[in-house]
Amino acid sequence: MYGHCHPILKVYPTIILPFTTLSLLFTFSTGVAAVFPALTTPVNTNTTFEVAAVEPLNKEVKSEDYQPTSDSKNVERFVEDYFADIPIMSKIAYCESRNRHLDKKGDILKGEITPLDRGVMQVNLYYHEETARKMGLDLHNIDDNVAYARYLYEKSGAKPWMSSSHCWSKFNSKEIAKK
């Protein structure tokens, strides 16, 4: 009696076990990839990356419509309109540069603490100039400065501006987090 199974019952372990095993392996492997992407993603250090040009969400927002940009009120309106979809970036611009792109002499604004920071969004030349140049952007140009800031935000959230977070972090935490 024990040695004889119903013939239809023999099929189920043969079919169910491999499917169960496969689904468990798939679930485990995708879970690991989500939690530990660095462990499951092969690293090739010889790879060169192409960086796509950044286009503003609203292509009609150009600094030429907010002249003169030597006036911080005009820069503030420009930045608010440019980042209408990411309001925290307007707050960051205020905290980083007080909505100034140019200094009192009319030169591009440099960082007070870190002189390699430039413009209204205080993008650091040491870390970002080469990538910006590959994207066809000049960080000294206000339109390109905010376009690169948008690229940084979309890539890393507000993390690149953490040094000024004491000023803007009191704002909505959903705005601070990366999408």
N, C-alpha and C. Protein backbone atom coordinates (compact mmCIF):
# COMPACT_ATOMS: atom_id res chain seq x y z
N MET A 1 0.82 -1.18 0.00
CA MET A 1 0.00 0.00 0.00
C MET A 1 0.87 1.25 0.00
N TYR A 2 1.93 1.27 0.81
CA TYR A 2 2.77 2.45 0.86
C TYR A 2 3.63 2.59 -0.40
N GLY A 3 3.97 1.53 -1.04
CA GLY A 3 4.82 1.58 -2.22
C GLY A 3 4.06 1.97 -3.47
N HIS A 4 2.76 1.92 -3.40
CA HIS A 4 1.97 2.23 -4.58
C HIS A 4 1.24 3.55 -4.39
N CYS A 5 1.64 4.55 -5.16
CA CYS A 5 0.96 5.86 -5.12
C CYS A 5 0.02 5.95 -6.29
N HIS A 6 -0.93 6.73 -6.12
CA HIS A 6 -1.84 7.00 -7.21
C HIS A 6 -1.04 7.67 -8.33
N PRO A 7 -1.17 7.26 -9.57
CA PRO A 7 -0.34 7.79 -10.65
C PRO A 7 -0.42 9.31 -10.81
N ILE A 8 -1.55 9.90 -10.57
CA ILE A 8 -1.69 11.34 -10.73
C ILE A 8 -0.92 12.10 -9.64
N LEU A 9 -0.73 11.52 -8.48
CA LEU A 9 0.00 12.16 -7.39
C LEU A 9 1.50 12.23 -7.68
N LYS A 10 2.01 11.35 -8.48
CA LYS A 10 3.43 11.36 -8.83
C LYS A 10 3.78 12.59 -9.68
N VAL A 11 2.84 13.10 -10.40
CA VAL A 11 3.08 14.25 -11.28
C VAL A 11 3.29 15.52 -10.47
N TYR A 12 2.53 15.70 -9.41
CA TYR A 12 2.58 16.95 -8.68
C TYR A 12 3.97 17.27 -8.10
N PRO A 13 4.61 16.37 -7.38
CA PRO A 13 5.95 16.71 -6.87
C PRO A 13 6.92 17.01 -8.00
N THR A 14 6.79 16.32 -9.11
CA THR A 14 7.69 16.53 -10.24
C THR A 14 7.51 17.92 -10.83
N ILE A 15 6.30 18.44 -10.85
CA ILE A 15 6.03 19.75 -11.44
C ILE A 15 6.13 20.86 -10.41
N ILE A 16 5.55 20.67 -9.26
CA ILE A 16 5.48 21.73 -8.25
C ILE A 16 6.84 22.06 -7.67
N LEU A 17 7.66 21.07 -7.34
CA LEU A 17 8.95 21.31 -6.71
C LEU A 17 9.86 22.19 -7.56
N PRO A 18 10.04 21.91 -8.85
CA PRO A 18 10.90 22.81 -9.64
C PRO A 18 10.35 24.23 -9.72
N PHE A 19 9.02 24.39 -9.85
CA PHE A 19 8.45 25.74 -9.92
C PHE A 19 8.63 26.48 -8.60
N THR A 20 8.44 25.78 -7.50
CA THR A 20 8.64 26.39 -6.19
C THR A 20 10.09 26.81 -6.01
N THR A 21 11.00 25.94 -6.37
CA THR A 21 12.44 26.25 -6.26
C THR A 21 12.80 27.44 -7.12
N LEU A 22 12.32 27.46 -8.35
CA LEU A 22 12.61 28.59 -9.25
C LEU A 22 12.04 29.89 -8.71
N SER A 23 10.82 29.85 -8.21
CA SER A 23 10.22 31.08 -7.70
C SER A 23 10.96 31.58 -6.47
N LEU A 24 11.41 30.66 -5.61
CA LEU A 24 12.20 31.08 -4.44
C LEU A 24 13.54 31.67 -4.87
N LEU A 25 14.19 31.05 -5.82
CA LEU A 25 15.46 31.58 -6.31
C LEU A 25 15.27 32.95 -6.94
N PHE A 26 14.22 33.09 -7.73
CA PHE A 26 13.94 34.37 -8.37
C PHE A 26 13.65 35.45 -7.32
N THR A 27 12.82 35.12 -6.35
CA THR A 27 12.49 36.07 -5.29
C THR A 27 13.74 36.47 -4.53
N PHE A 28 14.56 35.49 -4.17
CA PHE A 28 15.79 35.80 -3.42
C PHE A 28 16.74 36.66 -4.24
N SER A 29 16.92 36.29 -5.51
CA SER A 29 17.88 37.03 -6.33
C SER A 29 17.42 38.45 -6.59
N THR A 30 16.13 38.67 -6.81
CA THR A 30 15.67 40.04 -7.03
C THR A 30 15.69 40.83 -5.75
N GLY A 31 15.44 40.18 -4.62
CA GLY A 31 15.51 40.87 -3.33
C GLY A 31 16.92 41.32 -3.03
N VAL A 32 17.89 40.46 -3.30
CA VAL A 32 19.29 40.82 -3.07
C VAL A 32 19.68 41.97 -3.97
N ALA A 33 19.23 41.95 -5.21
CA ALA A 33 19.57 43.02 -6.14
C ALA A 33 19.01 44.35 -5.68
N ALA A 34 17.84 44.31 -5.06
CA ALA A 34 17.25 45.56 -4.59
C ALA A 34 17.95 46.08 -3.35
N VAL A 35 18.35 45.18 -2.47
CA VAL A 35 18.95 45.59 -1.21
C VAL A 35 20.45 45.83 -1.36
N PHE A 36 21.12 45.00 -2.14
CA PHE A 36 22.56 45.10 -2.30
C PHE A 36 22.94 45.26 -3.77
N PRO A 37 22.58 46.37 -4.39
CA PRO A 37 22.86 46.51 -5.83
C PRO A 37 24.34 46.46 -6.15
N ALA A 38 25.18 46.93 -5.25
CA ALA A 38 26.62 46.93 -5.51
C ALA A 38 27.17 45.52 -5.58
N LEU A 39 26.56 44.58 -4.86
CA LEU A 39 27.05 43.21 -4.86
C LEU A 39 26.63 42.44 -6.10
N THR A 40 25.52 42.81 -6.68
CA THR A 40 25.00 42.07 -7.82
C THR A 40 25.27 42.75 -9.14
N THR A 41 25.76 43.98 -9.12
CA THR A 41 26.03 44.71 -10.34
C THR A 41 27.51 44.60 -10.66
N PRO A 42 27.87 44.04 -11.83
CA PRO A 42 29.29 43.95 -12.16
C PRO A 42 29.88 45.34 -12.35
N VAL A 43 31.09 45.51 -11.91
CA VAL A 43 31.77 46.80 -12.00
C VAL A 43 32.85 46.71 -13.05
N ASN A 44 32.80 47.60 -14.01
CA ASN A 44 33.83 47.68 -15.03
C ASN A 44 34.46 49.05 -14.92
N THR A 45 35.68 49.10 -14.46
CA THR A 45 36.33 50.40 -14.24
C THR A 45 36.84 51.02 -15.52
N ASN A 46 36.82 50.28 -16.62
CA ASN A 46 37.30 50.82 -17.89
C ASN A 46 36.18 51.43 -18.72
N THR A 47 35.01 51.53 -18.17
CA THR A 47 33.85 52.05 -18.89
C THR A 47 33.87 53.57 -18.86
N THR A 48 33.61 54.17 -20.00
CA THR A 48 33.42 55.62 -20.05
C THR A 48 31.94 55.87 -20.18
N PHE A 49 31.46 56.85 -19.46
CA PHE A 49 30.04 57.14 -19.44
C PHE A 49 29.76 58.37 -20.29
N GLU A 50 28.69 58.29 -21.05
CA GLU A 50 28.23 59.46 -21.78
C GLU A 50 27.17 60.13 -20.95
N VAL A 51 27.24 61.45 -20.87
CA VAL A 51 26.28 62.20 -20.08
C VAL A 51 25.37 62.94 -21.03
N ALA A 52 24.08 62.73 -20.85
CA ALA A 52 23.09 63.37 -21.72
C ALA A 52 22.93 64.84 -21.34
N ALA A 53 22.62 65.64 -22.32
CA ALA A 53 22.36 67.05 -22.06
C ALA A 53 21.10 67.19 -21.21
N VAL A 54 21.11 68.17 -20.34
CA VAL A 54 19.97 68.40 -19.46
C VAL A 54 19.12 69.51 -20.05
N GLU A 55 17.86 69.24 -20.16
CA GLU A 55 16.92 70.24 -20.65
C GLU A 55 16.00 70.62 -19.50
N PRO A 56 15.71 71.90 -19.33
CA PRO A 56 14.78 72.27 -18.27
C PRO A 56 13.41 71.65 -18.53
N LEU A 57 12.68 71.36 -17.45
CA LEU A 57 11.35 70.81 -17.58
C LEU A 57 10.48 71.76 -18.39
N ASN A 58 10.57 73.03 -18.07
CA ASN A 58 9.84 74.06 -18.79
C ASN A 58 10.87 74.82 -19.63
N LYS A 59 10.99 74.47 -20.90
CA LYS A 59 12.00 75.05 -21.78
C LYS A 59 11.83 76.56 -21.95
N GLU A 60 10.68 77.08 -21.58
CA GLU A 60 10.42 78.50 -21.76
C GLU A 60 11.00 79.35 -20.64
N VAL A 61 11.48 78.74 -19.57
CA VAL A 61 12.05 79.50 -18.45
C VAL A 61 13.53 79.75 -18.76
N LYS A 62 13.82 80.96 -19.17
CA LYS A 62 15.18 81.38 -19.52
C LYS A 62 15.51 82.66 -18.76
N SER A 63 16.75 82.77 -18.36
CA SER A 63 17.17 83.92 -17.57
C SER A 63 17.01 85.24 -18.34
N GLU A 64 17.04 85.19 -19.65
CA GLU A 64 16.91 86.42 -20.44
C GLU A 64 15.58 87.13 -20.18
N ASP A 65 14.59 86.39 -19.69
CA ASP A 65 13.29 86.98 -19.37
C ASP A 65 13.23 87.55 -17.95
N TYR A 66 14.34 87.49 -17.23
CA TYR A 66 14.39 87.92 -15.83
C TYR A 66 15.55 88.91 -15.61
N GLN A 67 15.76 89.76 -16.54
CA GLN A 67 16.89 90.69 -16.48
C GLN A 67 16.57 91.92 -15.63
N PRO A 68 17.57 92.51 -15.03
CA PRO A 68 18.96 92.05 -14.99
C PRO A 68 19.15 90.99 -13.90
N THR A 69 20.00 90.02 -14.17
CA THR A 69 20.25 88.97 -13.19
C THR A 69 21.23 89.41 -12.11
N SER A 70 21.64 90.66 -12.17
CA SER A 70 22.43 91.23 -11.07
C SER A 70 21.51 91.57 -9.89
N ASP A 71 20.21 91.61 -10.13
CA ASP A 71 19.21 91.87 -9.09
C ASP A 71 18.75 90.53 -8.51
N SER A 72 18.96 90.32 -7.23
CA SER A 72 18.61 89.03 -6.61
C SER A 72 17.12 88.73 -6.68
N LYS A 73 16.28 89.76 -6.73
CA LYS A 73 14.83 89.53 -6.86
C LYS A 73 14.50 88.87 -8.21
N ASN A 74 15.20 89.31 -9.27
CA ASN A 74 14.99 88.71 -10.59
C ASN A 74 15.49 87.27 -10.60
N VAL A 75 16.64 87.04 -9.97
CA VAL A 75 17.19 85.69 -9.90
C VAL A 75 16.24 84.80 -9.09
N GLU A 76 15.70 85.32 -8.02
CA GLU A 76 14.76 84.55 -7.20
C GLU A 76 13.55 84.13 -8.02
N ARG A 77 12.97 85.05 -8.79
CA ARG A 77 11.81 84.72 -9.62
C ARG A 77 12.17 83.68 -10.68
N PHE A 78 13.35 83.86 -11.29
CA PHE A 78 13.83 82.91 -12.30
C PHE A 78 13.96 81.50 -11.70
N VAL A 79 14.64 81.39 -10.56
CA VAL A 79 14.85 80.09 -9.92
C VAL A 79 13.52 79.47 -9.49
N GLU A 80 12.62 80.27 -8.93
CA GLU A 80 11.31 79.74 -8.53
C GLU A 80 10.53 79.21 -9.72
N ASP A 81 10.57 79.93 -10.83
CA ASP A 81 9.87 79.47 -12.03
C ASP A 81 10.56 78.24 -12.63
N TYR A 82 11.88 78.26 -12.66
CA TYR A 82 12.64 77.14 -13.23
C TYR A 82 12.41 75.86 -12.44
N PHE A 83 12.39 75.98 -11.12
CA PHE A 83 12.20 74.82 -10.25
C PHE A 83 10.79 74.76 -9.66
N ALA A 84 9.80 75.19 -10.43
CA ALA A 84 8.42 75.15 -9.95
C ALA A 84 8.00 73.74 -9.56
N ASP A 85 8.59 72.74 -10.21
CA ASP A 85 8.27 71.34 -9.92
C ASP A 85 9.11 70.76 -8.78
N ILE A 86 10.14 71.49 -8.34
CA ILE A 86 11.01 71.04 -7.24
C ILE A 86 11.22 72.22 -6.29
N PRO A 87 10.22 72.59 -5.51
CA PRO A 87 10.30 73.81 -4.69
C PRO A 87 11.48 73.87 -3.72
N ILE A 88 11.98 72.75 -3.26
CA ILE A 88 13.11 72.77 -2.33
C ILE A 88 14.34 73.40 -2.99
N MET A 89 14.43 73.31 -4.31
CA MET A 89 15.60 73.88 -5.00
C MET A 89 15.61 75.40 -4.91
N SER A 90 14.44 76.02 -4.88
CA SER A 90 14.37 77.47 -4.69
C SER A 90 14.88 77.83 -3.30
N LYS A 91 14.53 77.03 -2.33
CA LYS A 91 14.98 77.27 -0.95
C LYS A 91 16.48 77.05 -0.84
N ILE A 92 16.99 76.05 -1.53
CA ILE A 92 18.43 75.79 -1.54
C ILE A 92 19.16 76.96 -2.18
N ALA A 93 18.64 77.48 -3.28
CA ALA A 93 19.28 78.62 -3.95
C ALA A 93 19.36 79.82 -3.01
N TYR A 94 18.30 80.05 -2.26
CA TYR A 94 18.33 81.15 -1.30
C TYR A 94 19.40 80.90 -0.23
N CYS A 95 19.43 79.70 0.31
CA CYS A 95 20.38 79.38 1.38
C CYS A 95 21.83 79.39 0.88
N GLU A 96 22.04 78.94 -0.34
CA GLU A 96 23.40 78.86 -0.88
C GLU A 96 23.94 80.21 -1.32
N SER A 97 23.12 81.02 -1.95
CA SER A 97 23.64 82.26 -2.58
C SER A 97 22.82 83.50 -2.29
N ARG A 98 21.78 83.36 -1.49
CA ARG A 98 20.83 84.46 -1.28
C ARG A 98 20.27 84.95 -2.62
N ASN A 99 20.06 83.96 -3.51
CA ASN A 99 19.52 84.22 -4.86
C ASN A 99 20.38 85.19 -5.67
N ARG A 100 21.67 85.06 -5.52
CA ARG A 100 22.59 85.88 -6.31
C ARG A 100 23.38 84.97 -7.24
N HIS A 101 23.55 85.40 -8.46
CA HIS A 101 24.41 84.68 -9.40
C HIS A 101 25.71 85.48 -9.61
N LEU A 102 25.61 86.76 -9.41
CA LEU A 102 26.76 87.64 -9.58
C LEU A 102 27.09 88.33 -8.27
N ASP A 103 28.38 88.66 -8.09
CA ASP A 103 28.76 89.40 -6.88
C ASP A 103 28.60 90.90 -7.12
N LYS A 104 29.01 91.72 -6.16
CA LYS A 104 28.83 93.18 -6.26
C LYS A 104 29.60 93.79 -7.43
N LYS A 105 30.67 93.13 -7.84
CA LYS A 105 31.49 93.63 -8.97
C LYS A 105 30.92 93.19 -10.32
N GLY A 106 29.92 92.31 -10.30
CA GLY A 106 29.35 91.79 -11.55
C GLY A 106 30.03 90.51 -12.01
N ASP A 107 30.93 89.95 -11.18
CA ASP A 107 31.58 88.68 -11.51
C ASP A 107 30.72 87.54 -10.99
N ILE A 108 30.96 86.35 -11.53
CA ILE A 108 30.23 85.17 -11.07
C ILE A 108 30.44 84.99 -9.57
N LEU A 109 29.39 84.70 -8.86
CA LEU A 109 29.45 84.53 -7.42
C LEU A 109 30.27 83.30 -7.05
N LYS A 110 31.25 83.49 -6.16
CA LYS A 110 32.07 82.39 -5.64
C LYS A 110 31.63 82.12 -4.21
N GLY A 111 31.81 80.89 -3.78
CA GLY A 111 31.45 80.52 -2.43
C GLY A 111 32.31 81.23 -1.40
N GLU A 112 31.70 81.63 -0.30
CA GLU A 112 32.43 82.30 0.77
C GLU A 112 33.32 81.31 1.52
N ILE A 113 32.81 80.13 1.79
CA ILE A 113 33.57 79.12 2.52
C ILE A 113 34.40 78.28 1.54
N THR A 114 33.79 77.89 0.44
CA THR A 114 34.48 77.10 -0.58
C THR A 114 34.51 77.90 -1.87
N PRO A 115 35.65 78.52 -2.18
CA PRO A 115 35.74 79.40 -3.35
C PRO A 115 35.51 78.71 -4.70
N LEU A 116 35.50 77.39 -4.74
CA LEU A 116 35.23 76.69 -6.00
C LEU A 116 33.73 76.51 -6.26
N ASP A 117 32.89 76.93 -5.33
CA ASP A 117 31.45 76.90 -5.55
C ASP A 117 31.08 78.10 -6.42
N ARG A 118 30.19 77.87 -7.39
CA ARG A 118 29.87 78.93 -8.34
C ARG A 118 28.38 79.14 -8.54
N GLY A 119 28.03 80.41 -8.70
CA GLY A 119 26.70 80.79 -9.14
C GLY A 119 25.60 80.65 -8.12
N VAL A 120 24.40 80.82 -8.61
CA VAL A 120 23.21 80.84 -7.76
C VAL A 120 23.03 79.52 -7.00
N MET A 121 23.38 78.40 -7.62
CA MET A 121 23.21 77.10 -6.97
C MET A 121 24.50 76.63 -6.28
N GLN A 122 25.55 77.44 -6.36
CA GLN A 122 26.84 77.14 -5.71
C GLN A 122 27.32 75.72 -6.04
N VAL A 123 27.39 75.42 -7.33
CA VAL A 123 27.88 74.13 -7.81
C VAL A 123 29.41 74.15 -7.74
N ASN A 124 29.98 73.12 -7.15
CA ASN A 124 31.43 73.07 -6.94
C ASN A 124 32.15 72.64 -8.22
N LEU A 125 33.08 73.50 -8.66
CA LEU A 125 33.81 73.24 -9.89
C LEU A 125 34.69 71.99 -9.79
N TYR A 126 35.31 71.78 -8.65
CA TYR A 126 36.21 70.64 -8.49
C TYR A 126 35.49 69.32 -8.77
N TYR A 127 34.30 69.17 -8.25
CA TYR A 127 33.56 67.93 -8.40
C TYR A 127 32.70 67.86 -9.65
N HIS A 128 32.28 68.99 -10.18
CA HIS A 128 31.23 68.95 -11.20
C HIS A 128 31.58 69.61 -12.53
N GLU A 129 32.65 70.36 -12.61
CA GLU A 129 32.92 71.10 -13.85
C GLU A 129 33.13 70.18 -15.06
N GLU A 130 33.87 69.10 -14.88
CA GLU A 130 34.14 68.21 -16.01
C GLU A 130 32.86 67.56 -16.54
N THR A 131 32.02 67.08 -15.63
CA THR A 131 30.75 66.48 -16.06
C THR A 131 29.87 67.52 -16.74
N ALA A 132 29.81 68.71 -16.15
CA ALA A 132 29.00 69.78 -16.76
C ALA A 132 29.51 70.09 -18.17
N ARG A 133 30.81 70.16 -18.32
CA ARG A 133 31.39 70.46 -19.64
C ARG A 133 31.02 69.36 -20.64
N LYS A 134 31.07 68.09 -20.22
CA LYS A 134 30.67 66.98 -21.09
C LYS A 134 29.21 67.08 -21.49
N MET A 135 28.42 67.70 -20.62
CA MET A 135 26.99 67.88 -20.91
C MET A 135 26.74 69.12 -21.76
N GLY A 136 27.81 69.86 -22.04
CA GLY A 136 27.66 71.09 -22.82
C GLY A 136 27.21 72.26 -21.98
N LEU A 137 27.46 72.20 -20.67
CA LEU A 137 27.02 73.26 -19.76
C LEU A 137 28.20 74.03 -19.20
N ASP A 138 28.01 75.33 -19.05
CA ASP A 138 29.00 76.22 -18.43
C ASP A 138 28.43 76.66 -17.09
N LEU A 139 29.03 76.21 -16.01
CA LEU A 139 28.50 76.49 -14.67
C LEU A 139 28.52 77.97 -14.32
N HIS A 140 29.22 78.79 -15.10
CA HIS A 140 29.25 80.24 -14.86
C HIS A 140 28.03 80.93 -15.48
N ASN A 141 27.35 80.23 -16.38
CA ASN A 141 26.14 80.76 -17.02
C ASN A 141 24.95 80.37 -16.15
N ILE A 142 24.10 81.32 -15.82
CA ILE A 142 23.00 81.06 -14.89
C ILE A 142 22.05 79.97 -15.39
N ASP A 143 21.74 79.97 -16.68
CA ASP A 143 20.85 78.94 -17.23
C ASP A 143 21.48 77.55 -17.08
N ASP A 144 22.76 77.46 -17.38
CA ASP A 144 23.46 76.18 -17.27
C ASP A 144 23.67 75.78 -15.81
N ASN A 145 23.87 76.75 -14.94
CA ASN A 145 24.06 76.50 -13.52
C ASN A 145 22.82 75.83 -12.93
N VAL A 146 21.66 76.33 -13.24
CA VAL A 146 20.42 75.73 -12.72
C VAL A 146 20.11 74.41 -13.43
N ALA A 147 20.47 74.31 -14.72
CA ALA A 147 20.25 73.04 -15.44
C ALA A 147 21.10 71.94 -14.82
N TYR A 148 22.34 72.26 -14.46
CA TYR A 148 23.19 71.25 -13.83
C TYR A 148 22.68 70.93 -12.42
N ALA A 149 22.18 71.93 -11.72
CA ALA A 149 21.61 71.69 -10.39
C ALA A 149 20.41 70.74 -10.50
N ARG A 150 19.61 70.89 -11.53
CA ARG A 150 18.47 69.98 -11.76
C ARG A 150 19.00 68.56 -11.99
N TYR A 151 20.03 68.44 -12.80
CA TYR A 151 20.64 67.14 -13.06
C TYR A 151 21.12 66.52 -11.74
N LEU A 152 21.81 67.30 -10.92
CA LEU A 152 22.30 66.80 -9.63
C LEU A 152 21.15 66.36 -8.74
N TYR A 153 20.10 67.16 -8.69
CA TYR A 153 18.95 66.81 -7.85
C TYR A 153 18.30 65.52 -8.34
N GLU A 154 18.13 65.39 -9.63
CA GLU A 154 17.50 64.19 -10.17
C GLU A 154 18.36 62.95 -9.93
N LYS A 155 19.66 63.16 -9.85
CA LYS A 155 20.59 62.06 -9.61
C LYS A 155 20.74 61.73 -8.12
N SER A 156 20.80 62.77 -7.26
CA SER A 156 21.17 62.56 -5.85
C SER A 156 20.24 63.22 -4.85
N GLY A 157 19.17 63.81 -5.28
CA GLY A 157 18.31 64.53 -4.35
C GLY A 157 19.03 65.79 -3.87
N ALA A 158 18.75 66.22 -2.66
CA ALA A 158 19.34 67.45 -2.11
C ALA A 158 20.70 67.21 -1.45
N LYS A 159 21.20 65.99 -1.50
CA LYS A 159 22.46 65.66 -0.84
C LYS A 159 23.63 66.56 -1.23
N PRO A 160 23.78 66.96 -2.49
CA PRO A 160 24.92 67.82 -2.83
C PRO A 160 24.93 69.17 -2.10
N TRP A 161 23.82 69.56 -1.52
CA TRP A 161 23.72 70.84 -0.81
C TRP A 161 23.56 70.65 0.70
N MET A 162 23.99 69.52 1.21
CA MET A 162 23.83 69.22 2.64
C MET A 162 24.57 70.22 3.53
N SER A 163 25.63 70.84 3.04
CA SER A 163 26.37 71.78 3.89
C SER A 163 25.52 72.99 4.27
N SER A 164 24.49 73.29 3.50
CA SER A 164 23.61 74.41 3.85
C SER A 164 22.27 73.93 4.40
N SER A 165 22.18 72.65 4.73
CA SER A 165 20.91 72.07 5.17
C SER A 165 20.39 72.70 6.46
N HIS A 166 21.28 73.28 7.26
CA HIS A 166 20.81 73.95 8.48
C HIS A 166 19.85 75.09 8.13
N CYS A 167 19.97 75.61 6.92
CA CYS A 167 19.12 76.70 6.45
C CYS A 167 17.83 76.17 5.81
N TRP A 168 17.94 75.17 4.94
CA TRP A 168 16.76 74.72 4.21
C TRP A 168 16.13 73.43 4.74
N SER A 169 16.76 72.75 5.68
CA SER A 169 16.23 71.46 6.14
C SER A 169 14.96 71.59 6.97
N LYS A 170 14.66 72.78 7.42
CA LYS A 170 13.42 72.95 8.19
C LYS A 170 12.19 72.87 7.29
N PHE A 171 12.43 72.70 5.99
CA PHE A 171 11.34 72.60 5.04
C PHE A 171 10.87 71.16 4.95
N ASN A 172 9.85 70.93 4.18
CA ASN A 172 9.21 69.64 4.00
C ASN A 172 10.21 68.54 3.64
N SER A 173 10.27 67.47 4.43
CA SER A 173 11.23 66.40 4.21
C SER A 173 10.97 65.65 2.89
N LYS A 174 9.75 65.64 2.39
CA LYS A 174 9.47 65.00 1.10
C LYS A 174 10.20 65.72 -0.03
N GLU A 175 10.36 67.03 0.12
CA GLU A 175 11.07 67.78 -0.91
C GLU A 175 12.56 67.48 -0.88
N ILE A 176 13.07 67.17 0.29
CA ILE A 176 14.50 66.95 0.45
C ILE A 176 14.90 65.61 -0.15
N ALA A 177 14.08 64.60 0.04
CA ALA A 177 14.41 63.25 -0.41
C ALA A 177 14.41 63.16 -1.92
N LYS A 178 15.27 62.30 -2.41
CA LYS A 178 15.32 62.06 -3.85
C LYS A 178 14.01 61.40 -4.29
N LYS A 179 13.59 61.71 -5.47
CA LYS A 179 12.36 61.13 -6.03
C LYS A 179 12.43 59.62 -5.99
